[in-house]
Protein backbone atom coordinates (compact mmCIF):
# COMPACT_ATOMS: atom_id res chain seq x y z
CA MET A 1 0.00 0.00 0.00
CA VAL A 2 2.74 2.48 0.93
CA SER A 3 4.88 1.72 -2.12
CA ALA A 4 1.80 1.73 -4.36
CA ARG A 5 1.16 5.31 -3.32
CA GLY A 6 4.80 6.31 -3.78
CA LEU A 7 5.23 7.03 -0.10
CA ALA A 8 8.11 4.70 0.65
CA VAL A 9 11.16 6.29 2.24
CA VAL A 10 14.39 5.95 0.30
CA SER A 11 16.70 4.24 2.76
CA ASP A 12 19.01 2.37 0.39
CA GLU A 13 22.46 3.47 1.59
CA GLY A 14 23.92 3.21 -1.92
CA ALA A 15 21.23 5.45 -3.41
CA LEU A 16 21.49 7.94 -0.56
CA THR A 17 25.27 8.03 -0.74
CA ALA A 18 25.17 8.65 -4.49
CA ALA A 19 22.67 11.47 -4.01
CA VAL A 20 24.78 12.97 -1.20
CA ASP A 21 27.92 12.82 -3.34
CA ALA A 22 26.09 14.51 -6.22
CA ALA A 23 24.80 17.26 -3.91
CA ILE A 24 28.29 17.85 -2.50
CA ALA A 25 29.75 18.05 -6.02
CA ALA A 26 27.02 20.49 -7.11
CA HIS A 27 27.49 22.76 -4.07
CA PRO A 28 31.23 22.99 -3.31
CA ASP A 29 30.85 26.31 -1.48
CA VAL A 30 28.35 24.81 0.98
CA ALA A 31 30.50 21.70 1.35
CA ALA A 32 33.48 23.91 2.24
CA LYS A 33 31.47 25.57 5.03
CA VAL A 34 30.51 22.19 6.47
CA ARG A 35 34.14 21.01 6.27
CA ALA A 36 35.11 24.17 8.17
CA GLY A 37 32.93 23.04 11.06
CA LYS A 38 29.61 24.71 10.28
CA ALA A 39 27.33 21.67 10.43
CA THR A 40 24.25 23.90 10.27
CA ALA A 41 25.32 24.97 6.77
CA ALA A 42 24.40 21.49 5.50
CA GLY A 43 20.77 22.51 4.94
CA PRO A 44 21.11 23.24 1.21
CA LEU A 45 22.83 19.89 0.70
CA VAL A 46 20.03 18.08 2.52
CA GLY A 47 17.56 20.01 0.37
CA ALA A 48 19.35 19.00 -2.82
CA VAL A 49 19.24 15.32 -1.81
CA MET A 50 15.57 15.59 -0.89
CA LYS A 51 14.85 17.14 -4.28
CA ALA A 52 16.85 14.43 -6.06
CA THR A 53 14.89 11.71 -4.27
CA GLY A 54 11.53 13.35 -4.74
CA GLY A 55 11.31 14.11 -1.03
CA LYS A 56 11.44 10.42 -0.16
CA ALA A 57 14.81 10.29 1.60
CA ASP A 58 15.12 10.18 5.38
CA ALA A 59 16.31 13.75 6.02
CA ALA A 60 17.97 12.87 9.31
CA ARG A 61 19.98 10.06 7.69
CA VAL A 62 20.88 12.33 4.77
CA HIS A 63 22.22 14.91 7.24
CA GLU A 64 24.28 12.21 8.98
CA LEU A 65 25.71 11.02 5.67
CA ILE A 66 26.65 14.55 4.64
CA LEU A 67 28.49 15.11 7.90
CA GLU A 68 30.21 11.72 7.63
CA ARG A 69 31.34 12.50 4.07
CA LEU A 70 32.58 16.00 4.84
CA THR A 71 33.98 15.76 8.35
CA GLY A 72 35.27 12.21 8.31
CA PRO A 73 34.78 9.42 10.84
């Protein structure tokens, strides 16, 4: 029922990681701010991933992935 209505959350790590990488590549200025320690600057990157996934990504997980990618382990 959920998938039939297109309401399923995109939680495939591979798909999310690819979307995060694309967002980082498309917004290097924002990525630089996050790398400099401004985690709150990640909003536009989260927005880009949400747009790329049609709003179906888990925003909290996307934010975590962005921080992992840009600030390291």
